[in-house]
């Protein structure tokens, strides 16, 4: 932890072990000098983030992979403590984690390979079978049969594309290399776009409801990723829930909060701690089990949080918050 001038005032034993710096001599030093950090591209992390400068709406830096002076990897996140909203930073709380946790990730690769193989087998078998049939029996097939097979091949190709996109997102999240392209985002408009997409895909329009409560601040977020988050949560509500899927958008602590509610059976209390883990899935439903893990990673990359609980209607409610954010050029 550093004070308002950037001087180290707390340096615990775990920090000393991870960095190799002695606790006593480190206290009182400028944190930026005591702990030089740079990203995998060689950029000075302290200069890029400027924790004591820039816009005063920032509250934290999400965890990402950085390199120390000896090129050892460390996972680092930071929280800005201000005595009043938009005031000066009075404390900078830095959290370090040993990147050796990647060893645990590697142990899960067997699960990932198994999941990917299972998810790819079905659509690829279908694509192979139908294309072989079309090639060998084209002249003997009716137009209706041809159309059915081609539509199935197209749908299975989309399924494989979605799986590949999910795997790329997981890779970027786990490596701390997820990039955000911030711009002013209208959350309500993005929610309407998600609903319109579901309706265009065949869902009944009256199955969805959007509620916008209060005036939202100007939000600098990654528009595509926010839409991806809401689309994933809405799909989750449609797939696992029942009745109406409701999206509620409201102001929250200088940023915004979004709730997605369904009217299904909800999530069992004992399953709640596992919902956002990789490969978690409802026993009665399919899927890769990566969607909610990706949602959590995208939200945390924005400096936000997500929780799951019981909706007023009795189903599941996923609620995430995001800070107002800052422009990339500031």
Protein backbone atom coordinates (compact mmCIF):
# COMPACT_ATOMS: atom_id res chain seq x y z
CA UNK A 1 0.00 0.00 0.00
CA UNK A 2 1.21 3.51 -0.84
CA UNK A 3 0.16 6.89 0.56
CA UNK A 4 -0.96 9.99 -1.32
CA UNK A 5 2.63 10.69 -2.41
CA UNK A 6 3.27 7.18 -3.66
CA UNK A 7 5.43 6.19 -0.67
CA UNK A 8 5.17 2.58 0.52
CA UNK A 9 3.49 2.42 3.93
CA UNK A 10 2.52 -1.28 4.03
CA UNK A 11 4.54 -4.12 2.51
CA UNK A 12 3.56 -7.52 3.85
CA UNK A 13 5.48 -10.78 3.88
CA UNK A 14 3.72 -12.17 0.81
CA UNK A 15 4.68 -9.08 -1.19
CA UNK A 16 8.27 -9.46 0.01
CA UNK A 17 8.29 -13.11 -1.03
CA UNK A 18 6.86 -12.45 -4.48
CA UNK A 19 9.11 -9.50 -5.26
CA UNK A 20 12.25 -10.54 -3.43
CA UNK A 21 12.40 -7.12 -1.74
CA UNK A 22 13.09 -6.80 2.01
CA UNK A 23 10.18 -5.31 3.93
CA UNK A 24 12.09 -2.81 6.09
CA UNK A 25 14.12 -0.98 3.43
CA UNK A 26 11.15 -0.92 1.07
CA UNK A 27 8.94 1.06 3.46
CA UNK A 28 9.10 4.77 2.69
CA UNK A 29 10.36 4.30 -0.86
CA UNK A 30 8.38 5.48 -3.86
CA UNK A 31 6.35 2.45 -4.92
CA UNK A 32 7.06 3.12 -8.58
CA UNK A 33 10.81 2.94 -7.97
CA UNK A 34 10.66 0.05 -5.51
CA UNK A 35 8.49 -2.06 -7.78
CA UNK A 36 9.11 -1.29 -11.47
CA UNK A 37 6.55 -3.10 -13.60
CA UNK A 38 6.08 -3.35 -17.35
CA UNK A 39 3.60 -5.14 -19.57
CA UNK A 40 4.52 -7.96 -21.99
CA UNK A 41 5.07 -5.33 -24.71
CA UNK A 42 7.70 -3.56 -22.59
CA UNK A 43 5.62 -0.51 -21.62
CA UNK A 44 6.08 0.98 -18.15
CA UNK A 45 2.88 0.09 -16.28
CA UNK A 46 3.11 3.04 -13.88
CA UNK A 47 3.45 5.56 -16.72
CA UNK A 48 0.62 3.97 -18.70
CA UNK A 49 -1.84 3.98 -15.80
CA UNK A 50 -0.64 7.08 -13.88
CA UNK A 51 -2.45 6.12 -10.65
CA UNK A 52 -2.19 9.59 -9.10
CA UNK A 53 -3.16 11.49 -12.25
CA UNK A 54 -5.72 11.18 -15.00
CA UNK A 55 -9.45 11.33 -14.49
CA UNK A 56 -10.65 11.08 -10.92
CA UNK A 57 -13.56 8.75 -11.63
CA UNK A 58 -11.29 5.70 -11.64
CA UNK A 59 -11.65 3.32 -8.71
CA UNK A 60 -9.44 0.37 -9.63
CA UNK A 61 -7.22 -1.33 -12.17
CA UNK A 62 -8.31 -4.87 -13.08
CA UNK A 63 -5.87 -7.71 -12.64
CA UNK A 64 -3.45 -8.30 -15.47
CA UNK A 65 -0.18 -10.04 -16.17
CA UNK A 66 2.91 -7.84 -15.70
CA UNK A 67 6.65 -8.39 -15.60
CA UNK A 68 8.95 -7.32 -12.79
CA UNK A 69 12.47 -5.98 -13.27
CA UNK A 70 13.92 -9.50 -13.49
CA UNK A 71 11.22 -10.48 -16.04
CA UNK A 72 9.38 -12.71 -13.59
CA UNK A 73 5.63 -12.77 -14.18
CA UNK A 74 3.22 -11.46 -11.57
CA UNK A 75 -0.53 -10.86 -11.57
CA UNK A 76 -1.22 -7.35 -10.38
CA UNK A 77 -4.36 -5.32 -9.62
CA UNK A 78 -4.79 -1.96 -7.89
CA UNK A 79 -7.49 -0.07 -6.03
CA UNK A 80 -7.65 3.72 -5.72
CA UNK A 81 -8.84 4.95 -2.32
CA UNK A 82 -10.28 8.47 -2.24
CA UNK A 83 -11.69 10.30 0.78
CA UNK A 84 -14.45 11.68 -1.43
CA UNK A 85 -15.77 10.82 -4.85
CA UNK A 86 -13.56 12.25 -7.61
CA UNK A 87 -11.08 13.47 -5.00
CA UNK A 88 -7.33 12.88 -4.89
CA UNK A 89 -6.00 9.36 -4.38
CA UNK A 90 -5.12 9.05 -0.69
CA UNK A 91 -4.14 5.39 -0.74
CA UNK A 92 -3.05 3.08 -3.54
CA UNK A 93 -3.69 -0.56 -2.65
CA UNK A 94 -1.74 -2.96 -4.85
CA UNK A 95 -2.47 -6.69 -4.89
CA UNK A 96 0.11 -9.12 -6.25
CA UNK A 97 -0.40 -12.79 -7.06
CA UNK A 98 2.14 -15.35 -8.12
CA UNK A 99 1.60 -16.17 -11.78
CA UNK A 100 2.43 -19.75 -10.85
CA UNK A 101 -1.32 -20.16 -10.46
CA UNK A 102 -1.07 -20.83 -14.18
CA UNK A 103 0.01 -24.30 -13.22
CA UNK A 104 -3.50 -24.82 -11.91
CA UNK A 105 -4.86 -23.54 -15.20
CA UNK A 106 -2.73 -26.02 -17.05
CA UNK A 107 -4.27 -28.82 -15.01
CA UNK A 108 -7.65 -27.73 -16.32
CA UNK A 109 -6.52 -27.98 -19.92
CA UNK A 110 -7.50 -31.63 -19.98
CA UNK A 111 -11.06 -30.54 -19.16
CA UNK A 112 -10.87 -27.90 -21.86
CA UNK A 113 -9.65 -30.37 -24.48
CA UNK A 114 -12.39 -32.80 -23.50
CA UNK A 115 -15.07 -30.10 -23.67
CA UNK A 116 -13.88 -28.77 -27.02
CA UNK A 117 -13.67 -32.26 -28.52
CA UNK A 118 -17.20 -33.03 -27.34
CA UNK A 119 -18.64 -29.75 -28.61
CA UNK A 120 -16.89 -30.03 -31.99
CA UNK A 121 -17.71 -33.67 -32.63
CA UNK A 122 -21.45 -33.20 -33.10
CA UNK A 123 -21.46 -30.28 -35.58
CA UNK A 124 -18.48 -31.58 -37.55
CA UNK A 125 -20.07 -35.02 -37.85
CA UNK A 126 -23.21 -33.34 -39.14
CA UNK A 127 -21.29 -31.15 -41.60
CA UNK A 128 -19.27 -34.12 -42.88
CA UNK A 129 -22.35 -36.31 -43.28
CA UNK A 130 -24.51 -33.77 -45.06
CA UNK A 131 -21.78 -32.51 -47.39
CA UNK A 132 -20.94 -36.10 -48.38
CA UNK A 133 -24.61 -36.75 -49.08
CA UNK A 134 -24.95 -33.56 -51.13
CA UNK A 135 -21.85 -34.39 -53.18
CA UNK A 136 -22.81 -37.99 -53.86
CA UNK A 137 -26.58 -37.73 -54.27
CA UNK A 138 -27.20 -34.16 -55.43
CA UNK A 139 -29.25 -35.11 -58.49
CA UNK A 140 -31.45 -37.49 -56.49
CA UNK A 141 -32.31 -35.06 -53.69
CA UNK A 142 -35.36 -32.83 -53.70
CA UNK A 143 -35.00 -29.08 -53.34
CA UNK A 144 -36.51 -29.33 -49.86
CA UNK A 145 -33.93 -31.93 -48.81
CA UNK A 146 -31.07 -29.85 -50.20
CA UNK A 147 -32.29 -26.75 -48.39
CA UNK A 148 -32.62 -28.63 -45.09
CA UNK A 149 -29.09 -30.02 -45.34
CA UNK A 150 -27.54 -26.69 -46.32
CA UNK A 151 -29.34 -24.86 -43.51
CA UNK A 152 -28.11 -27.49 -41.03
CA UNK A 153 -24.53 -27.19 -42.28
CA UNK A 154 -24.76 -23.39 -41.98
CA UNK A 155 -26.11 -23.60 -38.41
CA UNK A 156 -23.40 -26.07 -37.38
CA UNK A 157 -20.72 -23.83 -38.90
CA UNK A 158 -22.08 -20.96 -36.79
CA UNK A 159 -21.91 -23.19 -33.72
CA UNK A 160 -18.24 -23.98 -34.36
CA UNK A 161 -17.51 -20.28 -34.93
CA UNK A 162 -19.11 -19.38 -31.59
CA UNK A 163 -17.07 -22.04 -29.81
CA UNK A 164 -13.83 -20.72 -31.30
CA UNK A 165 -14.78 -17.16 -30.26
CA UNK A 166 -15.43 -18.38 -26.70
CA UNK A 167 -12.06 -20.11 -26.54
CA UNK A 168 -10.28 -16.97 -27.73
CA UNK A 169 -12.08 -14.91 -25.08
CA UNK A 170 -11.08 -17.40 -22.37
CA UNK A 171 -7.46 -17.24 -23.53
CA UNK A 172 -7.37 -13.43 -23.45
CA UNK A 173 -9.04 -13.26 -20.04
CA UNK A 174 -6.70 -15.80 -18.45
CA UNK A 175 -3.58 -14.18 -19.91
CA UNK A 176 -4.62 -10.66 -18.86
CA UNK A 177 -4.45 -9.50 -22.48
CA UNK A 178 -8.09 -8.63 -23.03
CA UNK A 179 -8.21 -5.26 -24.79
CA UNK A 180 -11.02 -2.75 -24.30
CA UNK A 181 -11.94 -0.15 -26.91
CA UNK A 182 -13.80 2.43 -24.89
CA UNK A 183 -16.40 4.79 -26.27
CA UNK A 184 -19.55 6.44 -24.96
CA UNK A 185 -22.12 3.65 -24.67
CA UNK A 186 -25.90 3.83 -24.45
CA UNK A 187 -26.70 0.74 -22.38
CA UNK A 188 -30.42 0.92 -23.10
CA UNK A 189 -29.81 1.01 -26.84
CA UNK A 190 -27.48 -1.97 -26.58
CA UNK A 191 -30.10 -3.88 -24.59
CA UNK A 192 -32.74 -3.11 -27.23
CA UNK A 193 -30.37 -4.43 -29.89
CA UNK A 194 -29.91 -7.68 -27.96
CA UNK A 195 -33.68 -8.10 -27.60
CA UNK A 196 -34.23 -7.32 -31.29
CA UNK A 197 -31.71 -10.02 -32.18
CA UNK A 198 -33.57 -12.60 -30.10
CA UNK A 199 -36.89 -11.62 -31.66
CA UNK A 200 -35.41 -11.80 -35.17
CA UNK A 201 -34.18 -15.31 -34.31
CA UNK A 202 -37.75 -16.40 -33.59
CA UNK A 203 -38.39 -15.56 -29.92
CA UNK A 204 -41.70 -13.94 -29.00
CA UNK A 205 -41.31 -10.19 -28.52
CA UNK A 206 -43.46 -10.21 -25.37
CA UNK A 207 -41.01 -12.56 -23.67
CA UNK A 208 -38.62 -9.66 -23.10
CA UNK A 209 -38.99 -6.51 -21.03
CA UNK A 210 -36.57 -3.58 -20.66
CA UNK A 211 -36.74 -1.18 -17.71
CA UNK A 212 -34.51 1.90 -17.49
CA UNK A 213 -34.64 3.53 -14.07
CA UNK A 214 -33.23 7.02 -13.66
CA UNK A 215 -30.71 9.00 -15.65
CA UNK A 216 -27.41 7.29 -16.36
CA UNK A 217 -24.04 9.08 -16.36
CA UNK A 218 -21.85 9.17 -19.46
CA UNK A 219 -20.39 5.66 -19.68
CA UNK A 220 -17.05 4.99 -21.38
CA UNK A 221 -17.15 1.25 -22.05
CA UNK A 222 -16.36 -1.27 -24.76
CA UNK A 223 -19.67 -1.28 -26.63
CA UNK A 224 -19.22 -4.66 -28.31
CA UNK A 225 -18.20 -6.39 -25.10
CA UNK A 226 -21.09 -4.86 -23.14
CA UNK A 227 -23.46 -6.11 -25.80
CA UNK A 228 -21.78 -9.53 -25.61
CA UNK A 229 -22.29 -9.56 -21.83
CA UNK A 230 -25.98 -8.72 -22.05
CA UNK A 231 -26.55 -11.12 -24.96
CA UNK A 232 -24.97 -13.94 -22.98
CA UNK A 233 -27.02 -13.22 -19.86
CA UNK A 234 -30.25 -12.92 -21.87
CA UNK A 235 -29.49 -16.20 -23.66
CA UNK A 236 -28.85 -17.77 -20.27
CA UNK A 237 -32.25 -16.53 -19.07
CA UNK A 238 -34.00 -17.86 -22.17
CA UNK A 239 -32.24 -21.22 -22.08
CA UNK A 240 -32.39 -21.98 -18.36
CA UNK A 241 -35.31 -19.87 -17.22
CA UNK A 242 -38.95 -19.50 -18.12
CA UNK A 243 -41.51 -16.77 -18.62
CA UNK A 244 -40.41 -13.18 -19.15
CA UNK A 245 -36.73 -12.20 -19.26
CA UNK A 246 -36.38 -8.70 -17.79
CA UNK A 247 -33.42 -6.34 -18.19
CA UNK A 248 -33.24 -3.56 -15.60
CA UNK A 249 -30.74 -0.71 -16.10
CA UNK A 250 -30.16 1.88 -13.37
CA UNK A 251 -27.52 4.31 -12.06
CA UNK A 252 -25.13 2.90 -9.46
CA UNK A 253 -22.37 4.73 -7.55
CA UNK A 254 -21.36 6.97 -10.43
CA UNK A 255 -21.68 4.15 -12.96
CA UNK A 256 -24.46 1.78 -13.89
CA UNK A 257 -26.00 -1.50 -12.78
CA UNK A 258 -27.71 -3.99 -15.09
CA UNK A 259 -29.90 -6.85 -13.86
CA UNK A 260 -31.12 -9.72 -16.04
CA UNK A 261 -33.96 -11.70 -14.46
CA UNK A 262 -35.91 -14.77 -15.53
CA UNK A 263 -38.91 -16.57 -14.09
CA UNK A 264 -37.52 -20.09 -13.97
CA UNK A 265 -36.52 -22.29 -11.05
CA UNK A 266 -33.44 -20.24 -10.25
CA UNK A 267 -30.02 -21.56 -9.30
CA UNK A 268 -29.60 -23.93 -6.38
CA UNK A 269 -27.83 -22.19 -3.44
CA UNK A 270 -25.09 -24.83 -3.37
CA UNK A 271 -24.33 -24.16 -7.05
CA UNK A 272 -23.98 -20.37 -6.74
CA UNK A 273 -20.25 -20.38 -5.81
CA UNK A 274 -19.49 -22.38 -8.97
CA UNK A 275 -21.62 -20.48 -11.48
CA UNK A 276 -18.79 -18.29 -12.82
CA UNK A 277 -16.19 -21.04 -12.99
CA UNK A 278 -15.05 -22.58 -16.24
CA UNK A 279 -17.09 -25.56 -17.42
CA UNK A 280 -19.96 -24.98 -14.98
CA UNK A 281 -23.26 -25.83 -16.58
CA UNK A 282 -26.79 -26.70 -15.58
CA UNK A 283 -27.06 -30.49 -15.39
CA UNK A 284 -30.21 -30.47 -17.48
CA UNK A 285 -28.82 -28.26 -20.23
CA UNK A 286 -25.94 -28.36 -22.67
CA UNK A 287 -23.35 -25.76 -23.62
CA UNK A 288 -19.64 -25.40 -23.10
CA UNK A 289 -19.84 -24.05 -19.58
CA UNK A 290 -17.68 -21.08 -20.61
CA UNK A 291 -20.29 -18.36 -21.12
CA UNK A 292 -20.63 -17.06 -17.56
CA UNK A 293 -16.88 -17.34 -16.98
CA UNK A 294 -16.38 -15.07 -20.00
CA UNK A 295 -19.10 -12.67 -18.80
CA UNK A 296 -17.36 -12.32 -15.43
CA UNK A 297 -13.99 -11.73 -17.10
CA UNK A 298 -15.37 -9.05 -19.43
CA UNK A 299 -17.10 -7.24 -16.56
CA UNK A 300 -14.02 -7.33 -14.32
CA UNK A 301 -11.92 -6.00 -17.20
CA UNK A 302 -14.17 -2.92 -17.08
CA UNK A 303 -13.57 -2.62 -13.32
CA UNK A 304 -17.02 -3.96 -12.49
CA UNK A 305 -18.50 -6.86 -10.54
CA UNK A 306 -21.22 -9.45 -11.11
CA UNK A 307 -23.37 -11.39 -8.67
CA UNK A 308 -26.14 -13.96 -8.97
CA UNK A 309 -29.14 -14.35 -6.72
CA UNK A 310 -32.86 -14.91 -6.69
CA UNK A 311 -35.08 -12.63 -8.75
CA UNK A 312 -38.26 -11.10 -7.26
CA UNK A 313 -40.24 -13.41 -9.57
CA UNK A 314 -38.46 -16.45 -8.15
CA UNK A 315 -36.05 -17.17 -11.00
CA UNK A 316 -32.37 -16.28 -11.31
CA UNK A 317 -31.09 -12.70 -11.30
CA UNK A 318 -27.66 -11.81 -12.63
CA UNK A 319 -26.66 -8.28 -11.65
CA UNK A 320 -23.50 -6.56 -12.80
CA UNK A 321 -22.14 -3.09 -12.14
CA UNK A 322 -19.68 -1.07 -14.19
CA UNK A 323 -17.99 2.24 -13.33
CA UNK A 324 -18.35 5.20 -15.68
CA UNK A 325 -14.88 4.48 -17.09
CA UNK A 326 -12.46 6.86 -18.73
CA UNK A 327 -11.68 7.67 -22.38
CA UNK A 328 -8.69 5.82 -23.82
CA UNK A 329 -7.00 9.06 -24.81
CA UNK A 330 -6.96 10.51 -21.26
